């Protein structure tokens, strides 16, 4: 299996409803998102997928989050914009956008700080 990974960034604010602690107040992060794809074969040029296409897909998914208050996005009206929920949402969108590329494995890792992250895969 060949594994390819790209990384992109977005800045956003959020708060956690129903949480007792500092994160119940509005605060921001510079989030890092890694998208890892697995391929069991390579194309005619010797690639699983062009990194350019991977970066485009990830950027398209993340663009609506950048420089926003996540709680104001319809995606987060009924769920908290936790790292876990954001990872799942990005995963679901990536899975749809990548369906034509022969991806065998997909994982999304989101870093909300240098030492705290969530990885989601199925």
PDB file of N, CA and C in Angstrom:
ATOM      1  N   UNK A   1       0.855  -1.179   0.000  1.00  0.00           N
ATOM      2  CA  UNK A   1       0.000   0.000   0.000  1.00  0.00           C
ATOM      3  C   UNK A   1       0.896   1.235   0.000  1.00  0.00           C
ATOM      4  N   UNK A   2       0.550   2.190  -0.831  1.00  0.00           N
ATOM      5  CA  UNK A   2       1.255   3.470  -0.889  1.00  0.00           C
ATOM      6  C   UNK A   2       0.425   4.499  -0.123  1.00  0.00           C
ATOM      7  N   UNK A   3       1.070   5.251   0.749  1.00  0.00           N
ATOM      8  CA  UNK A   3       0.374   6.286   1.516  1.00  0.00           C
ATOM      9  C   UNK A   3       0.928   7.654   1.153  1.00  0.00           C
ATOM     10  N   UNK A   4       0.047   8.559   0.764  1.00  0.00           N
ATOM     11  CA  UNK A   4       0.410   9.930   0.426  1.00  0.00           C
ATOM     12  C   UNK A   4      -0.279  10.855   1.417  1.00  0.00           C
ATOM     13  N   UNK A   5       0.397  11.936   1.776  1.00  0.00           N
ATOM     14  CA  UNK A   5      -0.168  12.858   2.752  1.00  0.00           C
ATOM     15  C   UNK A   5       0.095  14.293   2.334  1.00  0.00           C
ATOM     16  N   UNK A   6      -0.932  15.133   2.473  1.00  0.00           N
ATOM     17  CA  UNK A   6      -0.787  16.577   2.296  1.00  0.00           C
ATOM     18  C   UNK A   6      -1.306  17.263   3.554  1.00  0.00           C
ATOM     19  N   UNK A   7      -0.876  18.493   3.731  1.00  0.00           N
ATOM     20  CA  UNK A   7      -1.225  19.249   4.927  1.00  0.00           C
ATOM     21  C   UNK A   7      -1.609  20.660   4.516  1.00  0.00           C
ATOM     22  N   UNK A   8      -2.625  21.195   5.185  1.00  0.00           N
ATOM     23  CA  UNK A   8      -3.051  22.570   4.937  1.00  0.00           C
ATOM     24  C   UNK A   8      -3.486  23.170   6.270  1.00  0.00           C
ATOM     25  N   UNK A   9      -3.762  24.459   6.262  1.00  0.00           N
ATOM     26  CA  UNK A   9      -4.032  25.183   7.503  1.00  0.00           C
ATOM     27  C   UNK A   9      -5.243  26.087   7.351  1.00  0.00           C
ATOM     28  N   UNK A  10      -5.936  26.312   8.469  1.00  0.00           N
ATOM     29  CA  UNK A  10      -6.962  27.349   8.514  1.00  0.00           C
ATOM     30  C   UNK A  10      -6.998  27.930   9.920  1.00  0.00           C
ATOM     31  N   UNK A  11      -7.458  29.161  10.004  1.00  0.00           N
ATOM     32  CA  UNK A  11      -7.603  29.846  11.289  1.00  0.00           C
ATOM     33  C   UNK A  11      -9.083  30.066  11.532  1.00  0.00           C
ATOM     34  N   UNK A  12      -9.531  29.738  12.745  1.00  0.00           N
ATOM     35  CA  UNK A  12     -10.948  29.900  13.061  1.00  0.00           C
ATOM     36  C   UNK A  12     -11.142  29.986  14.565  1.00  0.00           C
ATOM     37  N   UNK A  13     -12.261  30.579  14.930  1.00  0.00           N
ATOM     38  CA  UNK A  13     -12.653  30.664  16.339  1.00  0.00           C
ATOM     39  C   UNK A  13     -13.821  29.713  16.582  1.00  0.00           C
ATOM     40  N   UNK A  14     -13.965  29.293  17.827  1.00  0.00           N
ATOM     41  CA  UNK A  14     -15.110  28.470  18.209  1.00  0.00           C
ATOM     42  C   UNK A  14     -15.272  28.499  19.722  1.00  0.00           C
ATOM     43  N   UNK A  15     -16.370  27.950  20.172  1.00  0.00           N
ATOM     44  CA  UNK A  15     -16.599  27.727  21.598  1.00  0.00           C
ATOM     45  C   UNK A  15     -17.398  26.435  21.713  1.00  0.00           C
ATOM     46  N   UNK A  16     -17.358  25.831  22.888  1.00  0.00           N
ATOM     47  CA  UNK A  16     -18.028  24.551  23.092  1.00  0.00           C
ATOM     48  C   UNK A  16     -19.239  24.730  24.000  1.00  0.00           C
ATOM     49  N   UNK A  17     -20.407  24.473  23.437  1.00  0.00           N
ATOM     50  CA  UNK A  17     -21.653  24.544  24.206  1.00  0.00           C
ATOM     51  C   UNK A  17     -21.724  23.351  25.158  1.00  0.00           C
ATOM     52  N   UNK A  18     -22.183  23.596  26.381  1.00  0.00           N
ATOM     53  CA  UNK A  18     -22.354  22.517  27.343  1.00  0.00           C
ATOM     54  C   UNK A  18     -21.072  22.040  27.986  1.00  0.00           C
ATOM     55  N   UNK A  19     -19.989  22.730  27.754  1.00  0.00           N
ATOM     56  CA  UNK A  19     -18.682  22.359  28.296  1.00  0.00           C
ATOM     57  C   UNK A  19     -18.352  23.306  29.441  1.00  0.00           C
ATOM     58  N   UNK A  20     -17.862  22.766  30.533  1.00  0.00           N
ATOM     59  CA  UNK A  20     -17.455  23.598  31.668  1.00  0.00           C
ATOM     60  C   UNK A  20     -15.932  23.700  31.677  1.00  0.00           C
ATOM     61  N   UNK A  21     -15.441  24.854  31.363  1.00  0.00           N
ATOM     62  CA  UNK A  21     -14.002  25.077  31.313  1.00  0.00           C
ATOM     63  C   UNK A  21     -13.686  26.211  30.364  1.00  0.00           C
ATOM     64  N   UNK A  22     -12.397  26.429  30.140  1.00  0.00           N
ATOM     65  CA  UNK A  22     -11.961  27.555  29.310  1.00  0.00           C
ATOM     66  C   UNK A  22     -12.547  27.523  27.902  1.00  0.00           C
ATOM     67  N   UNK A  23     -12.760  26.342  27.359  1.00  0.00           N
ATOM     68  CA  UNK A  23     -13.215  26.237  25.969  1.00  0.00           C
ATOM     69  C   UNK A  23     -14.688  26.575  25.779  1.00  0.00           C
ATOM     70  N   UNK A  24     -15.410  26.867  26.871  1.00  0.00           N
ATOM     71  CA  UNK A  24     -16.791  27.322  26.706  1.00  0.00           C
ATOM     72  C   UNK A  24     -16.828  28.778  26.234  1.00  0.00           C
ATOM     73  N   UNK A  25     -15.718  29.484  26.375  1.00  0.00           N
ATOM     74  CA  UNK A  25     -15.615  30.868  25.894  1.00  0.00           C
ATOM     75  C   UNK A  25     -15.076  30.866  24.461  1.00  0.00           C
ATOM     76  N   UNK A  26     -15.454  31.878  23.711  1.00  0.00           N
ATOM     77  CA  UNK A  26     -14.963  32.016  22.345  1.00  0.00           C
ATOM     78  C   UNK A  26     -13.438  32.125  22.361  1.00  0.00           C
ATOM     79  N   UNK A  27     -12.791  31.311  21.540  1.00  0.00           N
ATOM     80  CA  UNK A  27     -11.330  31.319  21.428  1.00  0.00           C
ATOM     81  C   UNK A  27     -10.957  30.815  20.035  1.00  0.00           C
ATOM     82  N   UNK A  28      -9.720  31.010  19.648  1.00  0.00           N
ATOM     83  CA  UNK A  28      -9.310  30.642  18.300  1.00  0.00           C
ATOM     84  C   UNK A  28      -8.146  29.677  18.264  1.00  0.00           C
ATOM     85  N   UNK A  29      -7.985  29.072  17.099  1.00  0.00           N
ATOM     86  CA  UNK A  29      -6.867  28.161  16.844  1.00  0.00           C
ATOM     87  C   UNK A  29      -6.352  28.408  15.433  1.00  0.00           C
ATOM     88  N   UNK A  30      -5.105  28.077  15.229  1.00  0.00           N
ATOM     89  CA  UNK A  30      -4.542  27.922  13.896  1.00  0.00           C
ATOM     90  C   UNK A  30      -4.473  26.416  13.674  1.00  0.00           C
ATOM     91  N   UNK A  31      -5.472  25.895  12.994  1.00  0.00           N
ATOM     92  CA  UNK A  31      -5.643  24.463  12.808  1.00  0.00           C
ATOM     93  C   UNK A  31      -4.752  23.973  11.667  1.00  0.00           C
ATOM     94  N   UNK A  32      -4.215  22.785  11.816  1.00  0.00           N
ATOM     95  CA  UNK A  32      -3.501  22.098  10.739  1.00  0.00           C
ATOM     96  C   UNK A  32      -4.297  20.840  10.408  1.00  0.00           C
ATOM     97  N   UNK A  33      -4.482  20.585   9.127  1.00  0.00           N
ATOM     98  CA  UNK A  33      -5.245  19.415   8.693  1.00  0.00           C
ATOM     99  C   UNK A  33      -4.377  18.584   7.761  1.00  0.00           C
ATOM    100  N   UNK A  34      -4.237  17.314   8.099  1.00  0.00           N
ATOM    101  CA  UNK A  34      -3.513  16.365   7.259  1.00  0.00           C
ATOM    102  C   UNK A  34      -4.516  15.410   6.624  1.00  0.00           C
ATOM    103  N   UNK A  35      -4.374  15.207   5.337  1.00  0.00           N
ATOM    104  CA  UNK A  35      -5.183  14.222   4.629  1.00  0.00           C
ATOM    105  C   UNK A  35      -4.240  13.148   4.104  1.00  0.00           C
ATOM    106  N   UNK A  36      -4.442  11.918   4.554  1.00  0.00           N
ATOM    107  CA  UNK A  36      -3.602  10.797   4.138  1.00  0.00           C
ATOM    108  C   UNK A  36      -4.438   9.842   3.300  1.00  0.00           C
ATOM    109  N   UNK A  37      -3.918   9.491   2.131  1.00  0.00           N
ATOM    110  CA  UNK A  37      -4.608   8.599   1.206  1.00  0.00           C
ATOM    111  C   UNK A  37      -3.773   7.354   0.966  1.00  0.00           C
ATOM    112  N   UNK A  38      -4.440   6.216   0.871  1.00  0.00           N
ATOM    113  CA  UNK A  38      -3.763   4.957   0.575  1.00  0.00           C
ATOM    114  C   UNK A  38      -4.185   4.425  -0.788  1.00  0.00           C
ATOM    115  N   UNK A  39      -3.207   3.963  -1.539  1.00  0.00           N
ATOM    116  CA  UNK A  39      -3.439   3.412  -2.879  1.00  0.00           C
ATOM    117  C   UNK A  39      -2.761   2.050  -2.980  1.00  0.00           C
ATOM    118  N   UNK A  40      -3.429   1.101  -3.626  1.00  0.00           N
ATOM    119  CA  UNK A  40      -2.803  -0.208  -3.797  1.00  0.00           C
ATOM    120  C   UNK A  40      -2.108  -0.347  -5.146  1.00  0.00           C
ATOM    121  N   UNK A  41      -2.260   0.669  -5.990  1.00  0.00           N
ATOM    122  CA  UNK A  41      -1.536   0.664  -7.270  1.00  0.00           C
ATOM    123  C   UNK A  41      -1.259   2.095  -7.718  1.00  0.00           C
ATOM    124  N   UNK A  42      -0.329   2.211  -8.623  1.00  0.00           N
ATOM    125  CA  UNK A  42       0.078   3.519  -9.140  1.00  0.00           C
ATOM    126  C   UNK A  42      -0.451   3.698 -10.552  1.00  0.00           C
ATOM    127  N   UNK A  43      -0.589   4.950 -10.958  1.00  0.00           N
ATOM    128  CA  UNK A  43      -1.039   5.218 -12.324  1.00  0.00           C
ATOM    129  C   UNK A  43       0.134   5.084 -13.292  1.00  0.00           C
ATOM    130  N   UNK A  44      -0.106   5.393 -14.550  1.00  0.00           N
ATOM    131  CA  UNK A  44       0.911   5.248 -15.587  1.00  0.00           C
ATOM    132  C   UNK A  44       2.137   6.112 -15.389  1.00  0.00           C
ATOM    133  N   UNK A  45       2.019   7.173 -14.602  1.00  0.00           N
ATOM    134  CA  UNK A  45       3.170   8.040 -14.335  1.00  0.00           C
ATOM    135  C   UNK A  45       3.899   7.648 -13.056  1.00  0.00           C
ATOM    136  N   UNK A  46       3.406   6.598 -12.382  1.00  0.00           N
ATOM    137  CA  UNK A  46       4.054   6.149 -11.157  1.00  0.00           C
ATOM    138  C   UNK A  46       3.567   6.858  -9.908  1.00  0.00           C
ATOM    139  N   UNK A  47       2.362   7.446  -9.966  1.00  0.00           N
ATOM    140  CA  UNK A  47       1.803   8.155  -8.804  1.00  0.00           C
ATOM    141  C   UNK A  47       0.498   7.502  -8.370  1.00  0.00           C
ATOM    142  N   UNK A  48       0.221   7.584  -7.065  1.00  0.00           N
ATOM    143  CA  UNK A  48      -1.098   7.208  -6.567  1.00  0.00           C
ATOM    144  C   UNK A  48      -2.095   8.292  -6.943  1.00  0.00           C
ATOM    145  N   UNK A  49      -1.688   9.540  -6.709  1.00  0.00           N
ATOM    146  CA  UNK A  49      -2.485  10.723  -7.058  1.00  0.00           C
ATOM    147  C   UNK A  49      -1.537  11.907  -7.052  1.00  0.00           C
ATOM    148  N   UNK A  50      -1.774  12.847  -7.906  1.00  0.00           N
ATOM    149  CA  UNK A  50      -0.946  14.049  -7.963  1.00  0.00           C
ATOM    150  C   UNK A  50      -1.153  14.863  -6.683  1.00  0.00           C
ATOM    151  N   UNK A  51      -0.057  15.254  -6.033  1.00  0.00           N
ATOM    152  CA  UNK A  51      -0.161  16.075  -4.816  1.00  0.00           C
ATOM    153  C   UNK A  51      -0.952  17.355  -5.075  1.00  0.00           C
ATOM    154  N   UNK A  52      -0.825  17.892  -6.264  1.00  0.00           N
ATOM    155  CA  UNK A  52      -1.558  19.111  -6.632  1.00  0.00           C
ATOM    156  C   UNK A  52      -3.061  18.885  -6.498  1.00  0.00           C
ATOM    157  N   UNK A  53      -3.542  17.741  -6.972  1.00  0.00           N
ATOM    158  CA  UNK A  53      -4.967  17.427  -6.871  1.00  0.00           C
ATOM    159  C   UNK A  53      -5.380  17.176  -5.426  1.00  0.00           C
ATOM    160  N   UNK A  54      -4.518  16.523  -4.672  1.00  0.00           N
ATOM    161  CA  UNK A  54      -4.813  16.297  -3.253  1.00  0.00           C
ATOM    162  C   UNK A  54      -4.951  17.620  -2.512  1.00  0.00           C
ATOM    163  N   UNK A  55      -4.015  18.533  -2.768  1.00  0.00           N
ATOM    164  CA  UNK A  55      -4.049  19.840  -2.101  1.00  0.00           C
ATOM    165  C   UNK A  55      -5.285  20.635  -2.502  1.00  0.00           C
ATOM    166  N   UNK A  56      -5.671  20.545  -3.765  1.00  0.00           N
ATOM    167  CA  UNK A  56      -6.867  21.251  -4.242  1.00  0.00           C
ATOM    168  C   UNK A  56      -8.111  20.739  -3.523  1.00  0.00           C
ATOM    169  N   UNK A  57      -8.249  19.431  -3.430  1.00  0.00           N
ATOM    170  CA  UNK A  57      -9.408  18.838  -2.754  1.00  0.00           C
ATOM    171  C   UNK A  57      -9.464  19.282  -1.302  1.00  0.00           C
ATOM    172  N   UNK A  58      -8.352  19.190  -0.595  1.00  0.00           N
ATOM    173  CA  UNK A  58      -8.327  19.570   0.815  1.00  0.00           C
ATOM    174  C   UNK A  58      -8.629  21.056   0.984  1.00  0.00           C
ATOM    175  N   UNK A  59      -8.060  21.887   0.138  1.00  0.00           N
ATOM    176  CA  UNK A  59      -8.294  23.330   0.216  1.00  0.00           C
ATOM    177  C   UNK A  59      -9.760  23.674  -0.017  1.00  0.00           C
ATOM    178  N   UNK A  60     -10.389  23.026  -0.992  1.00  0.00           N
ATOM    179  CA  UNK A  60     -11.806  23.269  -1.275  1.00  0.00           C
ATOM    180  C   UNK A  60     -12.679  22.933  -0.066  1.00  0.00           C
ATOM    181  N   UNK A  61     -12.333  21.867   0.631  1.00  0.00           N
ATOM    182  CA  UNK A  61     -13.111  21.446   1.801  1.00  0.00           C
ATOM    183  C   UNK A  61     -12.914  22.410   2.963  1.00  0.00           C
ATOM    184  N   UNK A  62     -11.689  22.853   3.168  1.00  0.00           N
ATOM    185  CA  UNK A  62     -11.366  23.685   4.325  1.00  0.00           C
ATOM    186  C   UNK A  62     -11.716  25.158   4.138  1.00  0.00           C
ATOM    187  N   UNK A  63     -11.824  25.617   2.925  1.00  0.00           N
ATOM    188  CA  UNK A  63     -12.039  27.041   2.657  1.00  0.00           C
ATOM    189  C   UNK A  63     -13.212  27.650   3.437  1.00  0.00           C
ATOM    190  N   UNK A  64     -14.366  26.979   3.544  1.00  0.00           N
ATOM    191  CA  UNK A  64     -15.477  27.585   4.292  1.00  0.00           C
ATOM    192  C   UNK A  64     -15.197  27.772   5.787  1.00  0.00           C
ATOM    193  N   UNK A  65     -14.215  27.076   6.337  1.00  0.00           N
ATOM    194  CA  UNK A  65     -13.881  27.186   7.758  1.00  0.00           C
ATOM    195  C   UNK A  65     -12.930  28.346   8.051  1.00  0.00           C
ATOM    196  N   UNK A  66     -12.141  28.756   7.054  1.00  0.00           N
ATOM    197  CA  UNK A  66     -11.050  29.700   7.296  1.00  0.00           C
ATOM    198  C   UNK A  66     -11.567  31.084   7.682  1.00  0.00           C
ATOM    199  N   UNK A  67     -10.993  31.626   8.745  1.00  0.00           N
ATOM    200  CA  UNK A  67     -11.323  32.958   9.261  1.00  0.00           C
ATOM    201  C   UNK A  67     -12.819  33.121   9.543  1.00  0.00           C
ATOM    202  N   UNK A  68     -13.382  32.111  10.215  1.00  0.00           N
ATOM    203  CA  UNK A  68     -14.787  32.169  10.613  1.00  0.00           C
ATOM    204  C   UNK A  68     -14.913  31.869  12.099  1.00  0.00           C
ATOM    205  N   UNK A  69     -16.101  32.111  12.602  1.00  0.00           N
ATOM    206  CA  UNK A  69     -16.501  31.575  13.898  1.00  0.00           C
ATOM    207  C   UNK A  69     -17.282  30.307  13.563  1.00  0.00           C
ATOM    208  N   UNK A  70     -16.688  29.172  13.820  1.00  0.00           N
ATOM    209  CA  UNK A  70     -17.247  27.902  13.369  1.00  0.00           C
ATOM    210  C   UNK A  70     -18.677  27.678  13.852  1.00  0.00           C
ATOM    211  N   UNK A  71     -18.995  28.120  15.059  1.00  0.00           N
ATOM    212  CA  UNK A  71     -20.343  27.918  15.599  1.00  0.00           C
ATOM    213  C   UNK A  71     -21.422  28.574  14.744  1.00  0.00           C
ATOM    214  N   UNK A  72     -21.066  29.542  13.926  1.00  0.00           N
ATOM    215  CA  UNK A  72     -22.049  30.233  13.082  1.00  0.00           C
ATOM    216  C   UNK A  72     -22.301  29.514  11.758  1.00  0.00           C
ATOM    217  N   UNK A  73     -21.518  28.491  11.461  1.00  0.00           N
ATOM    218  CA  UNK A  73     -21.730  27.724  10.236  1.00  0.00           C
ATOM    219  C   UNK A  73     -22.867  26.724  10.460  1.00  0.00           C
ATOM    220  N   UNK A  74     -23.766  26.556   9.486  1.00  0.00           N
ATOM    221  CA  UNK A  74     -24.878  25.610   9.650  1.00  0.00           C
ATOM    222  C   UNK A  74     -24.439  24.198  10.064  1.00  0.00           C
ATOM    223  N   UNK A  75     -23.260  23.777   9.643  1.00  0.00           N
ATOM    224  CA  UNK A  75     -22.750  22.453  10.032  1.00  0.00           C
ATOM    225  C   UNK A  75     -22.688  22.269  11.539  1.00  0.00           C
ATOM    226  N   UNK A  76     -22.524  23.375  12.256  1.00  0.00           N
ATOM    227  CA  UNK A  76     -22.325  23.296  13.704  1.00  0.00           C
ATOM    228  C   UNK A  76     -23.481  23.892  14.508  1.00  0.00           C
ATOM    229  N   UNK A  77     -24.640  24.017  13.886  1.00  0.00           N
ATOM    230  CA  UNK A  77     -25.802  24.500  14.640  1.00  0.00           C
ATOM    231  C   UNK A  77     -26.238  23.476  15.686  1.00  0.00           C
ATOM    232  N   UNK A  78     -26.106  22.191  15.377  1.00  0.00           N
ATOM    233  CA  UNK A  78     -26.600  21.159  16.301  1.00  0.00           C
ATOM    234  C   UNK A  78     -25.492  20.333  16.952  1.00  0.00           C
ATOM    235  N   UNK A  79     -24.258  20.525  16.518  1.00  0.00           N
ATOM    236  CA  UNK A  79     -23.128  19.822  17.139  1.00  0.00           C
ATOM    237  C   UNK A  79     -22.027  20.830  17.449  1.00  0.00           C
ATOM    238  N   UNK A  80     -21.226  20.511  18.434  1.00  0.00           N
ATOM    239  CA  UNK A  80     -20.099  21.378  18.775  1.00  0.00           C
ATOM    240  C   UNK A  80     -18.995  21.260  17.726  1.00  0.00           C
ATOM    241  N   UNK A  81     -18.326  22.366  17.426  1.00  0.00           N
ATOM    242  CA  UNK A  81     -17.188  22.319  16.502  1.00  0.00           C
ATOM    243  C   UNK A  81     -15.918  21.843  17.220  1.00  0.00           C
ATOM    244  N   UNK A  82     -15.970  20.611  17.703  1.00  0.00           N
ATOM    245  CA  UNK A  82     -14.798  20.008  18.339  1.00  0.00           C
ATOM    246  C   UNK A  82     -13.844  19.511  17.260  1.00  0.00           C
ATOM    247  N   UNK A  83     -12.638  19.255  17.652  1.00  0.00           N
ATOM    248  CA  UNK A  83     -11.671  18.689  16.713  1.00  0.00           C
ATOM    249  C   UNK A  83     -12.210  17.383  16.136  1.00  0.00           C
ATOM    250  N   UNK A  84     -12.842  16.579  16.985  1.00  0.00           N
ATOM    251  CA  UNK A  84     -13.392  15.296  16.538  1.00  0.00           C
ATOM    252  C   UNK A  84     -14.471  15.485  15.476  1.00  0.00           C
ATOM    253  N   UNK A  85     -15.410  16.396  15.720  1.00  0.00           N
ATOM    254  CA  UNK A  85     -16.484  16.619  14.747  1.00  0.00           C
ATOM    255  C   UNK A  85     -15.970  17.234  13.453  1.00  0.00           C
ATOM    256  N   UNK A  86     -15.019  18.133  13.550  1.00  0.00           N
ATOM    257  CA  UNK A  86     -14.443  18.737  12.341  1.00  0.00           C
ATOM    258  C   UNK A  86     -13.722  17.670  11.518  1.00  0.00           C
ATOM    259  N   UNK A  87     -12.992  16.795  12.181  1.00  0.00           N
ATOM    260  CA  UNK A  87     -12.284  15.716  11.474  1.00  0.00           C
ATOM    261  C   UNK A  87     -13.271  14.847  10.703  1.00  0.00           C
ATOM    262  N   UNK A  88     -14.381  14.498  11.326  1.00  0.00           N
ATOM    263  CA  UNK A  88     -15.382  13.647  10.668  1.00  0.00           C
ATOM    264  C   UNK A  88     -16.018  14.366   9.476  1.00  0.00           C
ATOM    265  N   UNK A  89     -16.326  15.635   9.632  1.00  0.00           N
ATOM    266  CA  UNK A  89     -16.932  16.402   8.540  1.00  0.00           C
ATOM    267  C   UNK A  89     -15.975  16.495   7.352  1.00  0.00           C
ATOM    268  N   UNK A  90     -14.714  16.801   7.604  1.00  0.00           N
ATOM    269  CA  UNK A  90     -13.728  16.877   6.521  1.00  0.00           C
ATOM    270  C   UNK A  90     -13.549  15.510   5.875  1.00  0.00           C
ATOM    271  N   UNK A  91     -13.527  14.456   6.687  1.00  0.00           N
ATOM    272  CA  UNK A  91     -13.419  13.091   6.158  1.00  0.00           C
ATOM    273  C   UNK A  91     -14.578  12.800   5.194  1.00  0.00           C
ATOM    274  N   UNK A  92     -15.800  13.066   5.636  1.00  0.00           N
ATOM    275  CA  UNK A  92     -16.975  12.768   4.803  1.00  0.00           C
ATOM    276  C   UNK A  92     -16.936  13.526   3.479  1.00  0.00           C
ATOM    277  N   UNK A  93     -16.540  14.789   3.515  1.00  0.00           N
ATOM    278  CA  UNK A  93     -16.450  15.577   2.282  1.00  0.00           C
ATOM    279  C   UNK A  93     -15.324  15.060   1.382  1.00  0.00           C
ATOM    280  N   UNK A  94     -14.187  14.733   1.982  1.00  0.00           N
ATOM    281  CA  UNK A  94     -13.062  14.213   1.198  1.00  0.00           C
ATOM    282  C   UNK A  94     -13.435  12.893   0.534  1.00  0.00           C
ATOM    283  N   UNK A  95     -14.124  12.039   1.255  1.00  0.00           N
ATOM    284  CA  UNK A  95     -14.531  10.743   0.699  1.00  0.00           C
ATOM    285  C   UNK A  95     -15.377  10.938  -0.559  1.00  0.00           C
ATOM    286  N   UNK A  96     -16.291  11.899  -0.528  1.00  0.00           N
ATOM    287  CA  UNK A  96     -17.122  12.195  -1.707  1.00  0.00           C
ATOM    288  C   UNK A  96     -16.271  12.702  -2.864  1.00  0.00           C
ATOM    289  N   UNK A  97     -15.404  13.671  -2.588  1.00  0.00           N
ATOM    290  CA  UNK A  97     -14.612  14.310  -3.643  1.00  0.00           C
ATOM    291  C   UNK A  97     -13.553  13.375  -4.236  1.00  0.00           C
ATOM    292  N   UNK A  98     -13.132  12.376  -3.482  1.00  0.00           N
ATOM    293  CA  UNK A  98     -12.049  11.496  -3.927  1.00  0.00           C
ATOM    294  C   UNK A  98     -12.547  10.193  -4.538  1.00  0.00           C
ATOM    295  N   UNK A  99     -13.844  10.027  -4.672  1.00  0.00           N
ATOM    296  CA  UNK A  99     -14.406   8.748  -5.116  1.00  0.00           C
ATOM    297  C   UNK A  99     -13.892   8.304  -6.487  1.00  0.00           C
ATOM    298  N   UNK A 100     -13.528   9.236  -7.331  1.00  0.00           N
ATOM    299  CA  UNK A 100     -13.086   8.898  -8.696  1.00  0.00           C
ATOM    300  C   UNK A 100     -11.593   8.593  -8.800  1.00  0.00           C
ATOM    301  N   UNK A 101     -10.850   8.700  -7.694  1.00  0.00           N
ATOM    302  CA  UNK A 101      -9.394   8.586  -7.761  1.00  0.00           C
ATOM    303  C   UNK A 101      -8.835   7.232  -7.314  1.00  0.00           C
ATOM    304  N   UNK A 102      -9.658   6.258  -7.031  1.00  0.00           N
ATOM    305  CA  UNK A 102      -9.165   4.940  -6.654  1.00  0.00           C
ATOM    306  C   UNK A 102      -8.532   4.873  -5.272  1.00  0.00           C
ATOM    307  N   UNK A 103      -8.967   5.738  -4.366  1.00  0.00           N
ATOM    308  CA  UNK A 103      -8.426   5.761  -3.002  1.00  0.00           C
ATOM    309  C   UNK A 103      -8.929   4.538  -2.242  1.00  0.00           C
ATOM    310  N   UNK A 104      -8.016   3.808  -1.611  1.00  0.00           N
ATOM    311  CA  UNK A 104      -8.371   2.625  -0.818  1.00  0.00           C
ATOM    312  C   UNK A 104      -8.466   2.934   0.666  1.00  0.00           C
ATOM    313  N   UNK A 105      -7.701   3.900   1.140  1.00  0.00           N
ATOM    314  CA  UNK A 105      -7.711   4.300   2.551  1.00  0.00           C
ATOM    315  C   UNK A 105      -7.707   5.817   2.618  1.00  0.00           C
ATOM    316  N   UNK A 106      -8.422   6.342   3.602  1.00  0.00           N
ATOM    317  CA  UNK A 106      -8.482   7.784   3.824  1.00  0.00           C
ATOM    318  C   UNK A 106      -8.427   8.026   5.316  1.00  0.00           C
ATOM    319  N   UNK A 107      -7.599   8.954   5.731  1.00  0.00           N
ATOM    320  CA  UNK A 107      -7.534   9.371   7.132  1.00  0.00           C
ATOM    321  C   UNK A 107      -7.354  10.880   7.178  1.00  0.00           C
ATOM    322  N   UNK A 108      -8.028  11.493   8.126  1.00  0.00           N
ATOM    323  CA  UNK A 108      -7.912  12.932   8.364  1.00  0.00           C
ATOM    324  C   UNK A 108      -7.393  13.129   9.780  1.00  0.00           C
ATOM    325  N   UNK A 109      -6.336  13.925   9.911  1.00  0.00           N
ATOM    326  CA  UNK A 109      -5.808  14.293  11.222  1.00  0.00           C
ATOM    327  C   UNK A 109      -5.882  15.805  11.341  1.00  0.00           C
ATOM    328  N   UNK A 110      -6.472  16.272  12.441  1.00  0.00           N
ATOM    329  CA  UNK A 110      -6.584  17.711  12.677  1.00  0.00           C
ATOM    330  C   UNK A 110      -5.847  18.055  13.957  1.00  0.00           C
ATOM    331  N   UNK A 111      -4.966  19.030  13.837  1.00  0.00           N
ATOM    332  CA  UNK A 111      -4.205  19.554  14.976  1.00  0.00           C
ATOM    333  C   UNK A 111      -4.809  20.887  15.371  1.00  0.00           C
ATOM    334  N   UNK A 112      -5.284  21.008  16.624  1.00  0.00           N
ATOM    335  CA  UNK A 112      -5.774  22.307  17.078  1.00  0.00           C
ATOM    336  C   UNK A 112      -4.691  23.055  17.838  1.00  0.00           C
ATOM    337  N   UNK A 113      -3.617  22.359  18.151  1.00  0.00           N
ATOM    338  CA  UNK A 113      -2.428  22.976  18.742  1.00  0.00           C
ATOM    339  C   UNK A 113      -1.243  22.094  18.363  1.00  0.00           C
ATOM    340  N   UNK A 114      -0.056  22.499  18.755  1.00  0.00           N
ATOM    341  CA  UNK A 114       1.141  21.733  18.392  1.00  0.00           C
ATOM    342  C   UNK A 114       1.153  20.337  18.997  1.00  0.00           C
ATOM    343  N   UNK A 115       0.431  20.152  20.102  1.00  0.00           N
ATOM    344  CA  UNK A 115       0.509  18.863  20.788  1.00  0.00           C
ATOM    345  C   UNK A 115      -0.842  18.185  21.012  1.00  0.00           C
ATOM    346  N   UNK A 116      -1.892  18.627  20.300  1.00  0.00           N
ATOM    347  CA  UNK A 116      -3.221  18.031  20.462  1.00  0.00           C
ATOM    348  C   UNK A 116      -3.874  17.846  19.101  1.00  0.00           C
ATOM    349  N   UNK A 117      -4.220  16.594  18.793  1.00  0.00           N
ATOM    350  CA  UNK A 117      -4.830  16.319  17.498  1.00  0.00           C
ATOM    351  C   UNK A 117      -5.850  15.198  17.603  1.00  0.00           C
ATOM    352  N   UNK A 118      -6.629  15.064  16.546  1.00  0.00           N
ATOM    353  CA  UNK A 118      -7.587  13.977  16.397  1.00  0.00           C
ATOM    354  C   UNK A 118      -7.400  13.392  15.003  1.00  0.00           C
ATOM    355  N   UNK A 119      -7.393  12.065  14.923  1.00  0.00           N
ATOM    356  CA  UNK A 119      -7.322  11.365  13.638  1.00  0.00           C
ATOM    357  C   UNK A 119      -8.632  10.614  13.452  1.00  0.00           C
ATOM    358  N   UNK A 120      -9.239  10.763  12.266  1.00  0.00           N
ATOM    359  CA  UNK A 120     -10.461  10.026  11.952  1.00  0.00           C
ATOM    360  C   UNK A 120     -10.248   9.224  10.682  1.00  0.00           C
ATOM    361  N   UNK A 121     -10.638   7.954  10.742  1.00  0.00           N
ATOM    362  CA  UNK A 121     -10.629   7.089   9.565  1.00  0.00           C
ATOM    363  C   UNK A 121     -11.676   6.008   9.767  1.00  0.00           C
ATOM    364  N   UNK A 122     -12.060   5.375   8.691  1.00  0.00           N
ATOM    365  CA  UNK A 122     -13.019   4.265   8.778  1.00  0.00           C
ATOM    366  C   UNK A 122     -12.350   2.994   8.319  1.00  0.00           C
TER     367      UNK A 122
END
